[in-house]
Protein backbone atom coordinates (compact mmCIF):
# COMPACT_ATOMS: atom_id res chain seq x y z
CA UNK A 1 0.00 0.00 0.00
CA UNK A 2 1.34 3.43 -0.92
CA UNK A 3 2.30 5.57 2.05
CA UNK A 4 0.50 8.84 1.35
CA UNK A 5 2.30 10.61 4.19
CA UNK A 6 5.78 9.99 2.74
CA UNK A 7 7.46 12.46 0.35
CA UNK A 8 10.80 12.58 -1.44
CA UNK A 9 11.49 16.22 -2.29
CA UNK A 10 12.92 17.73 -5.42
CA UNK A 11 16.15 19.68 -5.01
CA UNK A 12 16.12 21.57 -1.70
CA UNK A 13 18.67 23.46 0.35
CA UNK A 14 19.56 22.19 3.81
CA UNK A 15 20.16 24.26 6.92
CA UNK A 16 20.85 23.43 10.59
CA UNK A 17 22.25 20.09 9.44
CA UNK A 18 22.77 17.45 12.15
CA UNK A 19 22.82 14.22 10.15
CA UNK A 20 25.80 12.35 11.61
CA UNK A 21 25.51 13.20 15.30
CA UNK A 22 22.25 13.70 17.20
CA UNK A 23 21.83 17.19 18.60
CA UNK A 24 19.59 18.95 21.15
CA UNK A 25 18.75 22.61 20.43
CA UNK A 26 17.97 23.22 24.10
CA UNK A 27 19.35 21.68 27.28
CA UNK A 28 17.14 18.86 28.50
CA UNK A 29 15.68 18.08 25.07
CA UNK A 30 16.19 14.63 23.60
CA UNK A 31 19.04 14.62 21.09
CA UNK A 32 17.88 13.97 17.54
CA UNK A 33 19.21 13.83 14.01
CA UNK A 34 17.68 16.73 12.12
CA UNK A 35 17.88 19.24 9.32
CA UNK A 36 15.85 22.21 8.19
CA UNK A 37 14.62 21.85 4.61
CA UNK A 38 14.22 24.89 2.33
CA UNK A 39 11.87 24.12 -0.57
CA UNK A 40 11.99 26.74 -3.35
CA UNK A 41 8.55 28.25 -3.92
CA UNK A 42 9.13 27.62 -7.63
CA UNK A 43 8.96 23.86 -6.93
CA UNK A 44 5.17 23.55 -7.01
CA UNK A 45 5.35 19.76 -7.51
CA UNK A 46 7.23 19.07 -4.27
CA UNK A 47 5.01 21.47 -2.33
CA UNK A 48 1.82 19.89 -3.70
CA UNK A 49 3.05 16.47 -2.58
CA UNK A 50 3.98 17.83 0.87
CA UNK A 51 0.53 19.41 1.28
CA UNK A 52 -1.12 16.13 0.23
CA UNK A 53 1.03 14.22 2.73
CA UNK A 54 0.06 16.65 5.52
CA UNK A 55 -3.62 16.18 4.65
CA UNK A 56 -3.16 12.38 4.71
CA UNK A 57 -1.48 12.71 8.13
CA UNK A 58 -4.43 14.77 9.40
CA UNK A 59 -6.85 12.06 8.25
CA UNK A 60 -4.70 9.44 9.96
CA UNK A 61 -4.71 11.59 13.10
CA UNK A 62 -8.50 11.76 13.16
CA UNK A 63 -8.82 7.98 12.85
CA UNK A 64 -5.79 6.92 14.94
CA UNK A 65 -4.69 9.61 17.38
CA UNK A 66 -7.42 12.16 17.90
CA UNK A 67 -10.38 9.90 18.82
CA UNK A 68 -12.24 10.54 15.58
CA UNK A 69 -12.31 14.31 16.09
CA UNK A 70 -10.44 16.89 14.02
CA UNK A 71 -8.95 19.55 16.31
CA UNK A 72 -10.13 23.09 15.46
CA UNK A 73 -6.52 24.13 14.81
CA UNK A 74 -3.86 21.69 13.65
CA UNK A 75 -0.30 23.07 13.73
CA UNK A 76 1.75 21.88 10.77
CA UNK A 77 5.55 21.99 10.48
CA UNK A 78 5.78 23.94 7.20
CA UNK A 79 6.30 27.71 7.32
CA UNK A 80 6.60 30.56 4.82
CA UNK A 81 10.26 31.61 4.70
CA UNK A 82 9.14 35.12 3.70
CA UNK A 83 7.17 35.38 6.95
CA UNK A 84 8.20 35.19 10.61
CA UNK A 85 9.24 32.34 12.86
CA UNK A 86 6.30 31.06 14.91
CA UNK A 87 8.53 30.55 17.96
CA UNK A 88 9.69 34.14 18.43
CA UNK A 89 8.04 36.29 15.74
CA UNK A 90 11.44 37.14 14.23
CA UNK A 91 11.97 37.06 10.47
CA UNK A 92 13.47 33.92 8.99
CA UNK A 93 17.08 34.16 7.80
CA UNK A 94 17.87 35.53 4.33
CA UNK A 95 18.49 31.99 3.03
CA UNK A 96 14.79 31.21 3.70
CA UNK A 97 13.46 33.99 1.44
CA UNK A 98 11.49 32.55 -1.48
CA UNK A 99 11.23 29.13 0.20
CA UNK A 100 8.89 27.01 2.24
CA UNK A 101 10.68 25.96 5.44
CA UNK A 102 10.29 22.90 7.65
CA UNK A 103 12.42 20.84 10.01
CA UNK A 104 12.52 17.04 9.92
CA UNK A 105 14.05 14.93 12.68
CA UNK A 106 14.79 11.33 13.62
CA UNK A 107 15.32 9.80 17.04
CA UNK A 108 18.89 9.16 18.15
CA UNK A 109 18.56 5.41 17.50
CA UNK A 110 17.39 5.96 13.88
CA UNK A 111 20.28 7.68 12.07
CA UNK A 112 19.31 8.75 8.55
CA UNK A 113 21.17 7.30 5.59
CA UNK A 114 23.22 10.04 3.90
CA UNK A 115 24.26 9.32 0.30
CA UNK A 116 25.84 11.07 -2.69
CA UNK A 117 24.39 11.55 -6.19
CA UNK A 118 25.22 7.94 -7.07
CA UNK A 119 23.56 6.62 -3.91
CA UNK A 120 26.85 5.74 -2.18
CA UNK A 121 27.10 6.41 1.57
CA UNK A 122 28.94 9.65 2.35
CA UNK A 123 31.80 8.79 4.70
CA UNK A 124 33.55 12.18 4.88
CA UNK A 125 31.25 14.13 7.20
CA UNK A 126 32.72 17.49 6.11
CA UNK A 127 30.96 17.01 2.74
CA UNK A 128 27.59 17.40 4.48
CA UNK A 129 26.87 20.87 5.84
CA UNK A 130 24.31 23.66 6.15
CA UNK A 131 23.98 25.31 2.74
CA UNK A 132 24.39 22.26 0.51
CA UNK A 133 21.69 21.12 -1.91
CA UNK A 134 20.06 17.73 -1.90
CA UNK A 135 16.89 15.67 -1.77
CA UNK A 136 15.26 14.53 1.44
CA UNK A 137 12.78 11.77 2.21
CA UNK A 138 10.33 12.75 4.95
CA UNK A 139 7.17 11.36 6.53
CA UNK A 140 4.47 13.54 8.04
CA UNK A 141 2.66 12.09 11.05
CA UNK A 142 -0.05 13.08 13.55
CA UNK A 143 0.90 13.51 17.20
CA UNK A 144 -0.95 13.96 20.47
CA UNK A 145 1.06 14.48 23.64
CA UNK A 146 1.11 16.91 26.52
CA UNK A 147 -2.33 18.15 25.50
CA UNK A 148 -0.99 19.24 22.11
CA UNK A 149 -2.14 17.85 18.78
CA UNK A 150 -0.61 18.53 15.41
CA UNK A 151 1.46 17.25 12.52
CA UNK A 152 5.15 16.42 12.86
CA UNK A 153 7.79 15.49 10.30
CA UNK A 154 10.21 12.59 10.57
CA UNK A 155 13.49 12.43 8.67
CA UNK A 156 14.40 9.60 6.31
CA UNK A 157 17.34 9.22 3.90
CA UNK A 158 19.16 12.32 2.62
CA UNK A 159 20.91 12.59 -0.76
CA UNK A 160 23.48 15.30 -1.44
CA UNK A 161 23.16 16.68 -4.99
CA UNK A 162 25.61 19.58 -5.07
CA UNK A 163 27.59 22.05 -2.99
CA UNK A 164 26.27 25.46 -1.97
CA UNK A 165 27.44 28.48 -0.02
CA UNK A 166 27.98 27.48 3.60
CA UNK A 167 25.33 28.85 5.98
CA UNK A 168 26.06 29.95 9.53
CA UNK A 169 29.30 30.34 11.36
CA UNK A 170 31.78 27.76 10.16
CA UNK A 171 35.27 27.39 11.52
CA UNK A 172 37.74 29.58 9.62
CA UNK A 173 40.48 27.95 7.59
CA UNK A 174 44.15 28.32 8.56
CA UNK A 175 44.71 30.49 5.47
CA UNK A 176 41.88 32.84 6.55
CA UNK A 177 43.26 33.13 10.08
CA UNK A 178 46.99 33.39 9.43
CA UNK A 179 47.14 34.61 5.84
CA UNK A 180 50.28 33.72 3.97
CA UNK A 181 53.57 35.09 5.15
CA UNK A 182 55.72 36.72 2.46
CA UNK A 183 58.60 34.57 1.36
CA UNK A 184 61.87 35.97 2.68
CA UNK A 185 64.25 36.72 -0.13
CA UNK A 186 67.31 36.79 2.10
CA UNK A 187 69.67 34.01 1.02
CA UNK A 188 71.25 31.94 3.73
CA UNK A 189 75.03 31.95 3.43
CA UNK A 190 76.49 28.79 2.02
CA UNK A 191 78.08 26.58 4.68
CA UNK A 192 81.44 24.95 4.25
CA UNK A 193 80.72 21.24 4.76
CA UNK A 194 84.20 20.68 6.26
CA UNK A 195 84.41 23.54 8.78
CA UNK A 196 80.65 24.15 9.32
CA UNK A 197 81.33 27.88 8.96
CA UNK A 198 79.88 30.29 6.37
CA UNK A 199 81.92 30.31 3.18
C-alpha atoms as a PDB file:
ATOM      1  CA  UNK A   1       0.000   0.000   0.000  1.00  0.00           C
ATOM      2  CA  UNK A   2       1.342   3.433  -0.919  1.00  0.00           C
ATOM      3  CA  UNK A   3       2.302   5.574   2.050  1.00  0.00           C
ATOM      4  CA  UNK A   4       0.498   8.841   1.351  1.00  0.00           C
ATOM      5  CA  UNK A   5       2.296  10.612   4.190  1.00  0.00           C
ATOM      6  CA  UNK A   6       5.781   9.988   2.737  1.00  0.00           C
ATOM      7  CA  UNK A   7       7.455  12.465   0.351  1.00  0.00           C
ATOM      8  CA  UNK A   8      10.804  12.581  -1.443  1.00  0.00           C
ATOM      9  CA  UNK A   9      11.492  16.220  -2.288  1.00  0.00           C
ATOM     10  CA  UNK A  10      12.917  17.731  -5.425  1.00  0.00           C
ATOM     11  CA  UNK A  11      16.153  19.680  -5.009  1.00  0.00           C
ATOM     12  CA  UNK A  12      16.117  21.571  -1.703  1.00  0.00           C
ATOM     13  CA  UNK A  13      18.673  23.458   0.353  1.00  0.00           C
ATOM     14  CA  UNK A  14      19.560  22.187   3.806  1.00  0.00           C
ATOM     15  CA  UNK A  15      20.165  24.261   6.923  1.00  0.00           C
ATOM     16  CA  UNK A  16      20.846  23.427  10.594  1.00  0.00           C
ATOM     17  CA  UNK A  17      22.250  20.092   9.440  1.00  0.00           C
ATOM     18  CA  UNK A  18      22.770  17.446  12.154  1.00  0.00           C
ATOM     19  CA  UNK A  19      22.823  14.219  10.145  1.00  0.00           C
ATOM     20  CA  UNK A  20      25.801  12.345  11.606  1.00  0.00           C
ATOM     21  CA  UNK A  21      25.514  13.196  15.295  1.00  0.00           C
ATOM     22  CA  UNK A  22      22.250  13.701  17.202  1.00  0.00           C
ATOM     23  CA  UNK A  23      21.832  17.194  18.603  1.00  0.00           C
ATOM     24  CA  UNK A  24      19.586  18.945  21.150  1.00  0.00           C
ATOM     25  CA  UNK A  25      18.754  22.606  20.426  1.00  0.00           C
ATOM     26  CA  UNK A  26      17.969  23.219  24.098  1.00  0.00           C
ATOM     27  CA  UNK A  27      19.347  21.676  27.283  1.00  0.00           C
ATOM     28  CA  UNK A  28      17.139  18.856  28.500  1.00  0.00           C
ATOM     29  CA  UNK A  29      15.676  18.083  25.074  1.00  0.00           C
ATOM     30  CA  UNK A  30      16.188  14.632  23.596  1.00  0.00           C
ATOM     31  CA  UNK A  31      19.043  14.624  21.087  1.00  0.00           C
ATOM     32  CA  UNK A  32      17.880  13.970  17.536  1.00  0.00           C
ATOM     33  CA  UNK A  33      19.214  13.832  14.009  1.00  0.00           C
ATOM     34  CA  UNK A  34      17.677  16.731  12.116  1.00  0.00           C
ATOM     35  CA  UNK A  35      17.879  19.243   9.319  1.00  0.00           C
ATOM     36  CA  UNK A  36      15.855  22.211   8.192  1.00  0.00           C
ATOM     37  CA  UNK A  37      14.621  21.854   4.612  1.00  0.00           C
ATOM     38  CA  UNK A  38      14.222  24.891   2.335  1.00  0.00           C
ATOM     39  CA  UNK A  39      11.866  24.121  -0.573  1.00  0.00           C
ATOM     40  CA  UNK A  40      11.991  26.743  -3.351  1.00  0.00           C
ATOM     41  CA  UNK A  41       8.553  28.253  -3.918  1.00  0.00           C
ATOM     42  CA  UNK A  42       9.125  27.623  -7.633  1.00  0.00           C
ATOM     43  CA  UNK A  43       8.964  23.860  -6.933  1.00  0.00           C
ATOM     44  CA  UNK A  44       5.174  23.546  -7.015  1.00  0.00           C
ATOM     45  CA  UNK A  45       5.346  19.763  -7.506  1.00  0.00           C
ATOM     46  CA  UNK A  46       7.225  19.066  -4.266  1.00  0.00           C
ATOM     47  CA  UNK A  47       5.009  21.472  -2.329  1.00  0.00           C
ATOM     48  CA  UNK A  48       1.816  19.888  -3.695  1.00  0.00           C
ATOM     49  CA  UNK A  49       3.049  16.468  -2.577  1.00  0.00           C
ATOM     50  CA  UNK A  50       3.975  17.829   0.868  1.00  0.00           C
ATOM     51  CA  UNK A  51       0.530  19.413   1.275  1.00  0.00           C
ATOM     52  CA  UNK A  52      -1.124  16.133   0.225  1.00  0.00           C
ATOM     53  CA  UNK A  53       1.034  14.224   2.731  1.00  0.00           C
ATOM     54  CA  UNK A  54       0.057  16.650   5.523  1.00  0.00           C
ATOM     55  CA  UNK A  55      -3.624  16.177   4.648  1.00  0.00           C
ATOM     56  CA  UNK A  56      -3.158  12.384   4.714  1.00  0.00           C
ATOM     57  CA  UNK A  57      -1.476  12.709   8.130  1.00  0.00           C
ATOM     58  CA  UNK A  58      -4.434  14.773   9.396  1.00  0.00           C
ATOM     59  CA  UNK A  59      -6.855  12.060   8.254  1.00  0.00           C
ATOM     60  CA  UNK A  60      -4.697   9.441   9.957  1.00  0.00           C
ATOM     61  CA  UNK A  61      -4.707  11.588  13.104  1.00  0.00           C
ATOM     62  CA  UNK A  62      -8.501  11.761  13.157  1.00  0.00           C
ATOM     63  CA  UNK A  63      -8.817   7.984  12.854  1.00  0.00           C
ATOM     64  CA  UNK A  64      -5.785   6.915  14.936  1.00  0.00           C
ATOM     65  CA  UNK A  65      -4.692   9.612  17.376  1.00  0.00           C
ATOM     66  CA  UNK A  66      -7.421  12.163  17.905  1.00  0.00           C
ATOM     67  CA  UNK A  67     -10.382   9.896  18.819  1.00  0.00           C
ATOM     68  CA  UNK A  68     -12.243  10.539  15.581  1.00  0.00           C
ATOM     69  CA  UNK A  69     -12.308  14.306  16.092  1.00  0.00           C
ATOM     70  CA  UNK A  70     -10.440  16.885  14.019  1.00  0.00           C
ATOM     71  CA  UNK A  71      -8.950  19.555  16.305  1.00  0.00           C
ATOM     72  CA  UNK A  72     -10.129  23.094  15.457  1.00  0.00           C
ATOM     73  CA  UNK A  73      -6.522  24.135  14.813  1.00  0.00           C
ATOM     74  CA  UNK A  74      -3.861  21.692  13.645  1.00  0.00           C
ATOM     75  CA  UNK A  75      -0.304  23.071  13.727  1.00  0.00           C
ATOM     76  CA  UNK A  76       1.751  21.881  10.766  1.00  0.00           C
ATOM     77  CA  UNK A  77       5.549  21.985  10.485  1.00  0.00           C
ATOM     78  CA  UNK A  78       5.778  23.938   7.199  1.00  0.00           C
ATOM     79  CA  UNK A  79       6.296  27.712   7.324  1.00  0.00           C
ATOM     80  CA  UNK A  80       6.604  30.556   4.821  1.00  0.00           C
ATOM     81  CA  UNK A  81      10.264  31.611   4.702  1.00  0.00           C
ATOM     82  CA  UNK A  82       9.138  35.125   3.699  1.00  0.00           C
ATOM     83  CA  UNK A  83       7.173  35.383   6.953  1.00  0.00           C
ATOM     84  CA  UNK A  84       8.203  35.190  10.609  1.00  0.00           C
ATOM     85  CA  UNK A  85       9.241  32.339  12.855  1.00  0.00           C
ATOM     86  CA  UNK A  86       6.295  31.059  14.906  1.00  0.00           C
ATOM     87  CA  UNK A  87       8.532  30.546  17.957  1.00  0.00           C
ATOM     88  CA  UNK A  88       9.691  34.140  18.429  1.00  0.00           C
ATOM     89  CA  UNK A  89       8.039  36.295  15.738  1.00  0.00           C
ATOM     90  CA  UNK A  90      11.440  37.135  14.231  1.00  0.00           C
ATOM     91  CA  UNK A  91      11.969  37.062  10.469  1.00  0.00           C
ATOM     92  CA  UNK A  92      13.469  33.923   8.991  1.00  0.00           C
ATOM     93  CA  UNK A  93      17.075  34.156   7.798  1.00  0.00           C
ATOM     94  CA  UNK A  94      17.874  35.528   4.333  1.00  0.00           C
ATOM     95  CA  UNK A  95      18.492  31.993   3.032  1.00  0.00           C
ATOM     96  CA  UNK A  96      14.793  31.206   3.696  1.00  0.00           C
ATOM     97  CA  UNK A  97      13.459  33.986   1.442  1.00  0.00           C
ATOM     98  CA  UNK A  98      11.489  32.547  -1.483  1.00  0.00           C
ATOM     99  CA  UNK A  99      11.230  29.135   0.199  1.00  0.00           C
ATOM    100  CA  UNK A 100       8.895  27.011   2.243  1.00  0.00           C
ATOM    101  CA  UNK A 101      10.684  25.957   5.436  1.00  0.00           C
ATOM    102  CA  UNK A 102      10.292  22.897   7.650  1.00  0.00           C
ATOM    103  CA  UNK A 103      12.421  20.839  10.012  1.00  0.00           C
ATOM    104  CA  UNK A 104      12.517  17.044   9.921  1.00  0.00           C
ATOM    105  CA  UNK A 105      14.051  14.934  12.679  1.00  0.00           C
ATOM    106  CA  UNK A 106      14.787  11.332  13.618  1.00  0.00           C
ATOM    107  CA  UNK A 107      15.320   9.797  17.037  1.00  0.00           C
ATOM    108  CA  UNK A 108      18.893   9.164  18.151  1.00  0.00           C
ATOM    109  CA  UNK A 109      18.563   5.409  17.503  1.00  0.00           C
ATOM    110  CA  UNK A 110      17.387   5.957  13.880  1.00  0.00           C
ATOM    111  CA  UNK A 111      20.278   7.682  12.073  1.00  0.00           C
ATOM    112  CA  UNK A 112      19.308   8.749   8.550  1.00  0.00           C
ATOM    113  CA  UNK A 113      21.169   7.297   5.590  1.00  0.00           C
ATOM    114  CA  UNK A 114      23.216  10.036   3.904  1.00  0.00           C
ATOM    115  CA  UNK A 115      24.258   9.323   0.301  1.00  0.00           C
ATOM    116  CA  UNK A 116      25.835  11.071  -2.687  1.00  0.00           C
ATOM    117  CA  UNK A 117      24.388  11.551  -6.193  1.00  0.00           C
ATOM    118  CA  UNK A 118      25.218   7.944  -7.068  1.00  0.00           C
ATOM    119  CA  UNK A 119      23.560   6.617  -3.909  1.00  0.00           C
ATOM    120  CA  UNK A 120      26.853   5.735  -2.180  1.00  0.00           C
ATOM    121  CA  UNK A 121      27.104   6.405   1.569  1.00  0.00           C
ATOM    122  CA  UNK A 122      28.935   9.650   2.353  1.00  0.00           C
ATOM    123  CA  UNK A 123      31.797   8.792   4.705  1.00  0.00           C
ATOM    124  CA  UNK A 124      33.550  12.183   4.882  1.00  0.00           C
ATOM    125  CA  UNK A 125      31.254  14.128   7.199  1.00  0.00           C
ATOM    126  CA  UNK A 126      32.719  17.489   6.114  1.00  0.00           C
ATOM    127  CA  UNK A 127      30.958  17.008   2.737  1.00  0.00           C
ATOM    128  CA  UNK A 128      27.591  17.399   4.485  1.00  0.00           C
ATOM    129  CA  UNK A 129      26.869  20.874   5.842  1.00  0.00           C
ATOM    130  CA  UNK A 130      24.311  23.663   6.154  1.00  0.00           C
ATOM    131  CA  UNK A 131      23.984  25.315   2.742  1.00  0.00           C
ATOM    132  CA  UNK A 132      24.390  22.259   0.512  1.00  0.00           C
ATOM    133  CA  UNK A 133      21.689  21.122  -1.912  1.00  0.00           C
ATOM    134  CA  UNK A 134      20.058  17.725  -1.900  1.00  0.00           C
ATOM    135  CA  UNK A 135      16.888  15.669  -1.770  1.00  0.00           C
ATOM    136  CA  UNK A 136      15.256  14.528   1.439  1.00  0.00           C
ATOM    137  CA  UNK A 137      12.780  11.768   2.210  1.00  0.00           C
ATOM    138  CA  UNK A 138      10.330  12.747   4.948  1.00  0.00           C
ATOM    139  CA  UNK A 139       7.167  11.364   6.530  1.00  0.00           C
ATOM    140  CA  UNK A 140       4.468  13.543   8.043  1.00  0.00           C
ATOM    141  CA  UNK A 141       2.657  12.087  11.054  1.00  0.00           C
ATOM    142  CA  UNK A 142      -0.048  13.081  13.554  1.00  0.00           C
ATOM    143  CA  UNK A 143       0.900  13.507  17.200  1.00  0.00           C
ATOM    144  CA  UNK A 144      -0.954  13.960  20.472  1.00  0.00           C
ATOM    145  CA  UNK A 145       1.064  14.478  23.640  1.00  0.00           C
ATOM    146  CA  UNK A 146       1.114  16.909  26.519  1.00  0.00           C
ATOM    147  CA  UNK A 147      -2.325  18.146  25.496  1.00  0.00           C
ATOM    148  CA  UNK A 148      -0.990  19.239  22.112  1.00  0.00           C
ATOM    149  CA  UNK A 149      -2.139  17.854  18.783  1.00  0.00           C
ATOM    150  CA  UNK A 150      -0.613  18.534  15.413  1.00  0.00           C
ATOM    151  CA  UNK A 151       1.464  17.251  12.519  1.00  0.00           C
ATOM    152  CA  UNK A 152       5.153  16.420  12.864  1.00  0.00           C
ATOM    153  CA  UNK A 153       7.789  15.495  10.304  1.00  0.00           C
ATOM    154  CA  UNK A 154      10.213  12.587  10.566  1.00  0.00           C
ATOM    155  CA  UNK A 155      13.493  12.429   8.672  1.00  0.00           C
ATOM    156  CA  UNK A 156      14.397   9.599   6.306  1.00  0.00           C
ATOM    157  CA  UNK A 157      17.338   9.222   3.897  1.00  0.00           C
ATOM    158  CA  UNK A 158      19.156  12.325   2.620  1.00  0.00           C
ATOM    159  CA  UNK A 159      20.905  12.590  -0.757  1.00  0.00           C
ATOM    160  CA  UNK A 160      23.480  15.305  -1.443  1.00  0.00           C
ATOM    161  CA  UNK A 161      23.158  16.675  -4.986  1.00  0.00           C
ATOM    162  CA  UNK A 162      25.609  19.579  -5.068  1.00  0.00           C
ATOM    163  CA  UNK A 163      27.587  22.047  -2.990  1.00  0.00           C
ATOM    164  CA  UNK A 164      26.270  25.458  -1.974  1.00  0.00           C
ATOM    165  CA  UNK A 165      27.438  28.480  -0.024  1.00  0.00           C
ATOM    166  CA  UNK A 166      27.976  27.476   3.600  1.00  0.00           C
ATOM    167  CA  UNK A 167      25.331  28.854   5.980  1.00  0.00           C
ATOM    168  CA  UNK A 168      26.064  29.949   9.531  1.00  0.00           C
ATOM    169  CA  UNK A 169      29.298  30.340  11.362  1.00  0.00           C
ATOM    170  CA  UNK A 170      31.775  27.762  10.164  1.00  0.00           C
ATOM    171  CA  UNK A 171      35.274  27.389  11.524  1.00  0.00           C
ATOM    172  CA  UNK A 172      37.737  29.584   9.618  1.00  0.00           C
ATOM    173  CA  UNK A 173      40.482  27.947   7.592  1.00  0.00           C
ATOM    174  CA  UNK A 174      44.149  28.320   8.555  1.00  0.00           C
ATOM    175  CA  UNK A 175      44.708  30.486   5.469  1.00  0.00           C
ATOM    176  CA  UNK A 176      41.884  32.838   6.549  1.00  0.00           C
ATOM    177  CA  UNK A 177      43.263  33.126  10.080  1.00  0.00           C
ATOM    178  CA  UNK A 178      46.992  33.387   9.435  1.00  0.00           C
ATOM    179  CA  UNK A 179      47.135  34.609   5.843  1.00  0.00           C
ATOM    180  CA  UNK A 180      50.283  33.718   3.973  1.00  0.00           C
ATOM    181  CA  UNK A 181      53.574  35.092   5.155  1.00  0.00           C
ATOM    182  CA  UNK A 182      55.720  36.721   2.462  1.00  0.00           C
ATOM    183  CA  UNK A 183      58.598  34.572   1.359  1.00  0.00           C
ATOM    184  CA  UNK A 184      61.869  35.973   2.677  1.00  0.00           C
ATOM    185  CA  UNK A 185      64.246  36.722  -0.129  1.00  0.00           C
ATOM    186  CA  UNK A 186      67.313  36.790   2.096  1.00  0.00           C
ATOM    187  CA  UNK A 187      69.675  34.014   1.022  1.00  0.00           C
ATOM    188  CA  UNK A 188      71.252  31.944   3.726  1.00  0.00           C
ATOM    189  CA  UNK A 189      75.032  31.945   3.430  1.00  0.00           C
ATOM    190  CA  UNK A 190      76.492  28.789   2.022  1.00  0.00           C
ATOM    191  CA  UNK A 191      78.077  26.576   4.683  1.00  0.00           C
ATOM    192  CA  UNK A 192      81.443  24.948   4.250  1.00  0.00           C
ATOM    193  CA  UNK A 193      80.722  21.240   4.755  1.00  0.00           C
ATOM    194  CA  UNK A 194      84.198  20.676   6.259  1.00  0.00           C
ATOM    195  CA  UNK A 195      84.406  23.542   8.776  1.00  0.00           C
ATOM    196  CA  UNK A 196      80.649  24.153   9.318  1.00  0.00           C
ATOM    197  CA  UNK A 197      81.333  27.884   8.961  1.00  0.00           C
ATOM    198  CA  UNK A 198      79.876  30.287   6.373  1.00  0.00           C
ATOM    199  CA  UNK A 199      81.923  30.315   3.183  1.00  0.00           C
END
